[in-house]
Amino acid sequence: NLPVKAVRDMGADYVIGVDLFAPDCGRRWG
């Protein structure tokens, strides 16, 4: 889901990842 390896394979030395899947514990939904 966060393709850091693909970026390194393209020759990147420094990878900035943007993660949009920060989970929510969802207690209000049981």
PDB file of all heavy atoms in Angstrom:
ATOM      1  N   ASN A   1       0.796  -1.221   0.000  1.00  0.00           N
ATOM      2  CA  ASN A   1       0.000   0.000   0.000  1.00  0.00           C
ATOM      3  C   ASN A   1       0.830   1.274   0.000  1.00  0.00           C
ATOM      4  O   ASN A   1       0.361   2.313  -0.460  1.00  0.00           O
ATOM      5  CB  ASN A   1      -0.945   0.016   1.205  1.00  0.00           C
ATOM      6  CG  ASN A   1      -2.031   1.058   1.048  1.00  0.00           C
ATOM      7  OD1 ASN A   1      -2.787   1.024   0.089  1.00  0.00           O
ATOM      8  ND2 ASN A   1      -2.092   1.997   1.983  1.00  0.00           N
ATOM      9  N   LEU A   2       2.037   1.232   0.522  1.00  0.00           N
ATOM     10  CA  LEU A   2       2.923   2.397   0.486  1.00  0.00           C
ATOM     11  C   LEU A   2       4.213   1.964  -0.203  1.00  0.00           C
ATOM     12  O   LEU A   2       5.105   1.391   0.417  1.00  0.00           O
ATOM     13  CB  LEU A   2       3.217   2.911   1.898  1.00  0.00           C
ATOM     14  CG  LEU A   2       4.006   4.215   1.974  1.00  0.00           C
ATOM     15  CD1 LEU A   2       3.214   5.364   1.349  1.00  0.00           C
ATOM     16  CD2 LEU A   2       4.374   4.555   3.414  1.00  0.00           C
ATOM     17  N   PRO A   3       4.355   2.224  -1.516  1.00  0.00           N
ATOM     18  CA  PRO A   3       5.387   1.573  -2.334  1.00  0.00           C
ATOM     19  C   PRO A   3       6.792   2.170  -2.198  1.00  0.00           C
ATOM     20  O   PRO A   3       7.393   2.654  -3.165  1.00  0.00           O
ATOM     21  CB  PRO A   3       4.848   1.739  -3.755  1.00  0.00           C
ATOM     22  CG  PRO A   3       4.082   3.023  -3.702  1.00  0.00           C
ATOM     23  CD  PRO A   3       3.451   3.074  -2.331  1.00  0.00           C
ATOM     24  N   VAL A   4       7.334   2.064  -0.996  1.00  0.00           N
ATOM     25  CA  VAL A   4       8.687   2.585  -0.746  1.00  0.00           C
ATOM     26  C   VAL A   4       9.726   1.797  -1.536  1.00  0.00           C
ATOM     27  O   VAL A   4      10.655   2.367  -2.113  1.00  0.00           O
ATOM     28  CB  VAL A   4       8.989   2.561   0.761  1.00  0.00           C
ATOM     29  CG1 VAL A   4      10.455   2.902   1.025  1.00  0.00           C
ATOM     30  CG2 VAL A   4       8.081   3.533   1.502  1.00  0.00           C
ATOM     31  N   LYS A   5       9.602   0.476  -1.559  1.00  0.00           N
ATOM     32  CA  LYS A   5      10.584  -0.343  -2.276  1.00  0.00           C
ATOM     33  C   LYS A   5      10.624   0.017  -3.755  1.00  0.00           C
ATOM     34  O   LYS A   5      11.705   0.096  -4.364  1.00  0.00           O
ATOM     35  CB  LYS A   5      10.259  -1.827  -2.121  1.00  0.00           C
ATOM     36  CG  LYS A   5      11.281  -2.739  -2.823  1.00  0.00           C
ATOM     37  CD  LYS A   5      10.940  -4.200  -2.659  1.00  0.00           C
ATOM     38  CE  LYS A   5      12.016  -5.081  -3.305  1.00  0.00           C
ATOM     39  NZ  LYS A   5      12.155  -4.822  -4.767  1.00  0.00           N
ATOM     40  N   ALA A   6       9.456   0.257  -4.352  1.00  0.00           N
ATOM     41  CA  ALA A   6       9.418   0.626  -5.766  1.00  0.00           C
ATOM     42  C   ALA A   6      10.185   1.915  -6.016  1.00  0.00           C
ATOM     43  O   ALA A   6      10.877   2.062  -7.035  1.00  0.00           O
ATOM     44  CB  ALA A   6       7.970   0.774  -6.232  1.00  0.00           C
ATOM     45  N   VAL A   7      10.083   2.853  -5.082  1.00  0.00           N
ATOM     46  CA  VAL A   7      10.796   4.126  -5.232  1.00  0.00           C
ATOM     47  C   VAL A   7      12.306   3.906  -5.104  1.00  0.00           C
ATOM     48  O   VAL A   7      13.096   4.469  -5.863  1.00  0.00           O
ATOM     49  CB  VAL A   7      10.301   5.150  -4.188  1.00  0.00           C
ATOM     50  CG1 VAL A   7      11.049   6.459  -4.314  1.00  0.00           C
ATOM     51  CG2 VAL A   7       8.808   5.401  -4.354  1.00  0.00           C
ATOM     52  N   ARG A   8      12.709   3.073  -4.153  1.00  0.00           N
ATOM     53  CA  ARG A   8      14.145   2.786  -4.016  1.00  0.00           C
ATOM     54  C   ARG A   8      14.671   2.081  -5.264  1.00  0.00           C
ATOM     55  O   ARG A   8      15.804   2.352  -5.708  1.00  0.00           O
ATOM     56  CB  ARG A   8      14.401   1.930  -2.779  1.00  0.00           C
ATOM     57  CG  ARG A   8      14.105   2.645  -1.474  1.00  0.00           C
ATOM     58  CD  ARG A   8      14.836   2.005  -0.301  1.00  0.00           C
ATOM     59  NE  ARG A   8      14.317   2.487   0.966  1.00  0.00           N
ATOM     60  CZ  ARG A   8      14.635   3.658   1.513  1.00  0.00           C
ATOM     61  NH1 ARG A   8      15.464   4.477   0.883  1.00  0.00           N
ATOM     62  NH2 ARG A   8      14.126   4.022   2.678  1.00  0.00           N
ATOM     63  N   ASP A   9      13.872   1.197  -5.832  1.00  0.00           N
ATOM     64  CA  ASP A   9      14.293   0.504  -7.052  1.00  0.00           C
ATOM     65  C   ASP A   9      14.465   1.464  -8.219  1.00  0.00           C
ATOM     66  O   ASP A   9      15.164   1.153  -9.193  1.00  0.00           O
ATOM     67  CB  ASP A   9      13.280  -0.576  -7.424  1.00  0.00           C
ATOM     68  CG  ASP A   9      13.296  -1.768  -6.477  1.00  0.00           C
ATOM     69  OD1 ASP A   9      14.273  -1.904  -5.712  1.00  0.00           O
ATOM     70  OD2 ASP A   9      12.329  -2.553  -6.497  1.00  0.00           O
ATOM     71  N   MET A  10      13.842   2.631  -8.145  1.00  0.00           N
ATOM     72  CA  MET A  10      13.984   3.646  -9.191  1.00  0.00           C
ATOM     73  C   MET A  10      15.201   4.531  -8.965  1.00  0.00           C
ATOM     74  O   MET A  10      15.449   5.455  -9.739  1.00  0.00           O
ATOM     75  CB  MET A  10      12.711   4.497  -9.251  1.00  0.00           C
ATOM     76  CG  MET A  10      11.474   3.703  -9.645  1.00  0.00           C
ATOM     77  SD  MET A  10       9.927   4.594  -9.382  1.00  0.00           S
ATOM     78  CE  MET A  10       9.961   5.724 -10.763  1.00  0.00           C
ATOM     79  N   GLY A  11      15.950   4.267  -7.898  1.00  0.00           N
ATOM     80  CA  GLY A  11      17.196   4.987  -7.668  1.00  0.00           C
ATOM     81  C   GLY A  11      17.155   6.047  -6.594  1.00  0.00           C
ATOM     82  O   GLY A  11      18.103   6.828  -6.466  1.00  0.00           O
ATOM     83  N   ALA A  12      16.089   6.092  -5.789  1.00  0.00           N
ATOM     84  CA  ALA A  12      16.006   7.108  -4.738  1.00  0.00           C
ATOM     85  C   ALA A  12      16.915   6.749  -3.563  1.00  0.00           C
ATOM     86  O   ALA A  12      16.965   5.595  -3.134  1.00  0.00           O
ATOM     87  CB  ALA A  12      14.572   7.249  -4.263  1.00  0.00           C
ATOM     88  N   ASP A  13      17.611   7.753  -3.040  1.00  0.00           N
ATOM     89  CA  ASP A  13      18.415   7.588  -1.832  1.00  0.00           C
ATOM     90  C   ASP A  13      17.607   7.914  -0.579  1.00  0.00           C
ATOM     91  O   ASP A  13      17.892   7.410   0.499  1.00  0.00           O
ATOM     92  CB  ASP A  13      19.623   8.548  -1.864  1.00  0.00           C
ATOM     93  CG  ASP A  13      20.467   8.369  -3.107  1.00  0.00           C
ATOM     94  OD1 ASP A  13      20.945   7.254  -3.337  1.00  0.00           O
ATOM     95  OD2 ASP A  13      20.631   9.348  -3.846  1.00  0.00           O
ATOM     96  N   TYR A  14      16.633   8.775  -0.742  1.00  0.00           N
ATOM     97  CA  TYR A  14      15.827   9.268   0.391  1.00  0.00           C
ATOM     98  C   TYR A  14      14.370   9.211  -0.036  1.00  0.00           C
ATOM     99  O   TYR A  14      13.977   9.818  -1.034  1.00  0.00           O
ATOM    100  CB  TYR A  14      16.227  10.697   0.735  1.00  0.00           C
ATOM    101  CG  TYR A  14      15.532  11.280   1.956  1.00  0.00           C
ATOM    102  CD1 TYR A  14      16.052  11.072   3.228  1.00  0.00           C
ATOM    103  CD2 TYR A  14      14.371  12.043   1.823  1.00  0.00           C
ATOM    104  CE1 TYR A  14      15.424  11.614   4.351  1.00  0.00           C
ATOM    105  CE2 TYR A  14      13.744  12.592   2.939  1.00  0.00           C
ATOM    106  CZ  TYR A  14      14.273  12.369   4.194  1.00  0.00           C
ATOM    107  OH  TYR A  14      13.659  12.896   5.313  1.00  0.00           O
ATOM    108  N   VAL A  15      13.556   8.458   0.713  1.00  0.00           N
ATOM    109  CA  VAL A  15      12.160   8.253   0.324  1.00  0.00           C
ATOM    110  C   VAL A  15      11.218   8.911   1.329  1.00  0.00           C
ATOM    111  O   VAL A  15      11.271   8.633   2.531  1.00  0.00           O
ATOM    112  CB  VAL A  15      11.825   6.756   0.210  1.00  0.00           C
ATOM    113  CG1 VAL A  15      10.351   6.579  -0.200  1.00  0.00           C
ATOM    114  CG2 VAL A  15      12.732   6.070  -0.800  1.00  0.00           C
ATOM    115  N   ILE A  16      10.369   9.774   0.808  1.00  0.00           N
ATOM    116  CA  ILE A  16       9.285  10.374   1.589  1.00  0.00           C
ATOM    117  C   ILE A  16       8.024   9.578   1.296  1.00  0.00           C
ATOM    118  O   ILE A  16       7.593   9.473   0.145  1.00  0.00           O
ATOM    119  CB  ILE A  16       9.081  11.847   1.204  1.00  0.00           C
ATOM    120  CG1 ILE A  16      10.367  12.653   1.439  1.00  0.00           C
ATOM    121  CG2 ILE A  16       7.920  12.446   1.982  1.00  0.00           C
ATOM    122  CD1 ILE A  16      10.323  14.053   0.843  1.00  0.00           C
ATOM    123  N   GLY A  17       7.441   8.981   2.329  1.00  0.00           N
ATOM    124  CA  GLY A  17       6.216   8.226   2.163  1.00  0.00           C
ATOM    125  C   GLY A  17       5.024   9.003   2.684  1.00  0.00           C
ATOM    126  O   GLY A  17       5.119   9.680   3.709  1.00  0.00           O
ATOM    127  N   VAL A  18       3.903   8.916   1.972  1.00  0.00           N
ATOM    128  CA  VAL A  18       2.673   9.583   2.403  1.00  0.00           C
ATOM    129  C   VAL A  18       1.628   8.505   2.661  1.00  0.00           C
ATOM    130  O   VAL A  18       1.148   7.845   1.731  1.00  0.00           O
ATOM    131  CB  VAL A  18       2.164  10.587   1.347  1.00  0.00           C
ATOM    132  CG1 VAL A  18       0.968  11.354   1.906  1.00  0.00           C
ATOM    133  CG2 VAL A  18       3.274  11.558   0.950  1.00  0.00           C
ATOM    134  N   ASP A  19       1.294   8.325   3.922  1.00  0.00           N
ATOM    135  CA  ASP A  19       0.417   7.248   4.389  1.00  0.00           C
ATOM    136  C   ASP A  19      -0.983   7.776   4.650  1.00  0.00           C
ATOM    137  O   ASP A  19      -1.165   8.652   5.500  1.00  0.00           O
ATOM    138  CB  ASP A  19       1.031   6.649   5.666  1.00  0.00           C
ATOM    139  CG  ASP A  19       0.082   5.739   6.414  1.00  0.00           C
ATOM    140  OD1 ASP A  19      -0.721   5.055   5.748  1.00  0.00           O
ATOM    141  OD2 ASP A  19       0.158   5.700   7.655  1.00  0.00           O
ATOM    142  N   LEU A  20      -1.963   7.251   3.929  1.00  0.00           N
ATOM    143  CA  LEU A  20      -3.354   7.694   4.093  1.00  0.00           C
ATOM    144  C   LEU A  20      -4.224   6.652   4.785  1.00  0.00           C
ATOM    145  O   LEU A  20      -5.444   6.797   4.828  1.00  0.00           O
ATOM    146  CB  LEU A  20      -3.969   8.011   2.719  1.00  0.00           C
ATOM    147  CG  LEU A  20      -3.247   9.040   1.859  1.00  0.00           C
ATOM    148  CD1 LEU A  20      -4.072   9.341   0.620  1.00  0.00           C
ATOM    149  CD2 LEU A  20      -2.958  10.313   2.635  1.00  0.00           C
ATOM    150  N   PHE A  21      -3.608   5.618   5.335  1.00  0.00           N
ATOM    151  CA  PHE A  21      -4.385   4.536   5.928  1.00  0.00           C
ATOM    152  C   PHE A  21      -4.238   4.476   7.437  1.00  0.00           C
ATOM    153  O   PHE A  21      -4.325   3.392   8.028  1.00  0.00           O
ATOM    154  CB  PHE A  21      -4.003   3.189   5.316  1.00  0.00           C
ATOM    155  CG  PHE A  21      -5.109   2.587   4.491  1.00  0.00           C
ATOM    156  CD1 PHE A  21      -5.173   2.818   3.121  1.00  0.00           C
ATOM    157  CD2 PHE A  21      -6.085   1.817   5.078  1.00  0.00           C
ATOM    158  CE1 PHE A  21      -6.180   2.272   2.356  1.00  0.00           C
ATOM    159  CE2 PHE A  21      -7.112   1.263   4.320  1.00  0.00           C
ATOM    160  CZ  PHE A  21      -7.159   1.488   2.955  1.00  0.00           C
ATOM    161  N   ALA A  22      -4.017   5.631   8.073  1.00  0.00           N
ATOM    162  CA  ALA A  22      -3.940   5.642   9.532  1.00  0.00           C
ATOM    163  C   ALA A  22      -5.238   5.081  10.103  1.00  0.00           C
ATOM    164  O   ALA A  22      -6.320   5.615   9.861  1.00  0.00           O
ATOM    165  CB  ALA A  22      -3.718   7.063  10.033  1.00  0.00           C
ATOM    166  N   PRO A  23      -5.174   3.968  10.862  1.00  0.00           N
ATOM    167  CA  PRO A  23      -6.404   3.308  11.313  1.00  0.00           C
ATOM    168  C   PRO A  23      -7.075   4.025  12.472  1.00  0.00           C
ATOM    169  O   PRO A  23      -6.451   4.737  13.243  1.00  0.00           O
ATOM    170  CB  PRO A  23      -5.911   1.922  11.744  1.00  0.00           C
ATOM    171  CG  PRO A  23      -4.490   2.149  12.155  1.00  0.00           C
ATOM    172  CD  PRO A  23      -3.968   3.247  11.266  1.00  0.00           C
ATOM    173  N   ASP A  24      -8.367   3.789  12.568  1.00  0.00           N
ATOM    174  CA  ASP A  24      -9.180   4.292  13.676  1.00  0.00           C
ATOM    175  C   ASP A  24      -9.712   3.074  14.423  1.00  0.00           C
ATOM    176  O   ASP A  24     -10.226   2.133  13.804  1.00  0.00           O
ATOM    177  CB  ASP A  24     -10.337   5.129  13.120  1.00  0.00           C
ATOM    178  CG  ASP A  24     -11.271   5.641  14.209  1.00  0.00           C
ATOM    179  OD1 ASP A  24     -10.769   5.904  15.320  1.00  0.00           O
ATOM    180  OD2 ASP A  24     -12.471   5.768  13.950  1.00  0.00           O
ATOM    181  N   CYS A  25      -9.581   3.058  15.740  1.00  0.00           N
ATOM    182  CA  CYS A  25      -9.965   1.866  16.502  1.00  0.00           C
ATOM    183  C   CYS A  25     -11.453   1.555  16.397  1.00  0.00           C
ATOM    184  O   CYS A  25     -11.875   0.420  16.621  1.00  0.00           O
ATOM    185  CB  CYS A  25      -9.544   1.993  17.962  1.00  0.00           C
ATOM    186  SG  CYS A  25     -10.437   3.270  18.881  1.00  0.00           S
ATOM    187  N   GLY A  26     -12.269   2.538  16.053  1.00  0.00           N
ATOM    188  CA  GLY A  26     -13.673   2.284  15.746  1.00  0.00           C
ATOM    189  C   GLY A  26     -14.523   1.784  16.901  1.00  0.00           C
ATOM    190  O   GLY A  26     -15.476   1.033  16.698  1.00  0.00           O
ATOM    191  N   ARG A  27     -14.204   2.181  18.126  1.00  0.00           N
ATOM    192  CA  ARG A  27     -14.960   1.677  19.269  1.00  0.00           C
ATOM    193  C   ARG A  27     -16.447   2.025  19.197  1.00  0.00           C
ATOM    194  O   ARG A  27     -17.296   1.280  19.669  1.00  0.00           O
ATOM    195  CB  ARG A  27     -14.375   2.234  20.580  1.00  0.00           C
ATOM    196  CG  ARG A  27     -13.023   1.658  20.943  1.00  0.00           C
ATOM    197  CD  ARG A  27     -12.645   2.060  22.367  1.00  0.00           C
ATOM    198  NE  ARG A  27     -11.374   1.475  22.764  1.00  0.00           N
ATOM    199  CZ  ARG A  27     -10.196   2.066  22.631  1.00  0.00           C
ATOM    200  NH1 ARG A  27     -10.131   3.259  22.074  1.00  0.00           N
ATOM    201  NH2 ARG A  27      -9.098   1.469  23.031  1.00  0.00           N
ATOM    202  N   ARG A  28     -16.739   3.176  18.586  1.00  0.00           N
ATOM    203  CA  ARG A  28     -18.141   3.608  18.559  1.00  0.00           C
ATOM    204  C   ARG A  28     -19.005   2.691  17.697  1.00  0.00           C
ATOM    205  O   ARG A  28     -20.234   2.724  17.801  1.00  0.00           O
ATOM    206  CB  ARG A  28     -18.243   5.045  18.050  1.00  0.00           C
ATOM    207  CG  ARG A  28     -17.805   5.251  16.616  1.00  0.00           C
ATOM    208  CD  ARG A  28     -17.760   6.724  16.254  1.00  0.00           C
ATOM    209  NE  ARG A  28     -17.354   6.983  14.887  1.00  0.00           N
ATOM    210  CZ  ARG A  28     -16.096   6.988  14.483  1.00  0.00           C
ATOM    211  NH1 ARG A  28     -15.128   6.726  15.334  1.00  0.00           N
ATOM    212  NH2 ARG A  28     -15.800   7.254  13.227  1.00  0.00           N
ATOM    213  N   TRP A  29     -18.396   1.872  16.860  1.00  0.00           N
ATOM    214  CA  TRP A  29     -19.146   0.952  16.007  1.00  0.00           C
ATOM    215  C   TRP A  29     -19.136  -0.477  16.537  1.00  0.00           C
ATOM    216  O   TRP A  29     -19.585  -1.387  15.855  1.00  0.00           O
ATOM    217  CB  TRP A  29     -18.587   0.974  14.585  1.00  0.00           C
ATOM    218  CG  TRP A  29     -18.715   2.307  13.929  1.00  0.00           C
ATOM    219  CD1 TRP A  29     -17.717   3.191  13.669  1.00  0.00           C
ATOM    220  CD2 TRP A  29     -19.915   2.923  13.453  1.00  0.00           C
ATOM    221  NE1 TRP A  29     -18.203   4.314  13.059  1.00  0.00           N
ATOM    222  CE2 TRP A  29     -19.556   4.176  12.910  1.00  0.00           C
ATOM    223  CE3 TRP A  29     -21.259   2.535  13.424  1.00  0.00           C
ATOM    224  CZ2 TRP A  29     -20.490   5.051  12.366  1.00  0.00           C
ATOM    225  CZ3 TRP A  29     -22.191   3.405  12.865  1.00  0.00           C
ATOM    226  CH2 TRP A  29     -21.806   4.643  12.346  1.00  0.00           C
ATOM    227  N   GLY A  30     -18.590  -0.683  17.720  1.00  0.00           N
ATOM    228  CA  GLY A  30     -18.615  -2.015  18.309  1.00  0.00           C
ATOM    229  C   GLY A  30     -17.771  -3.011  17.538  1.00  0.00           C
ATOM    230  O   GLY A  30     -16.721  -2.665  16.988  1.00  0.00           O
TER     231      GLY A  30
END
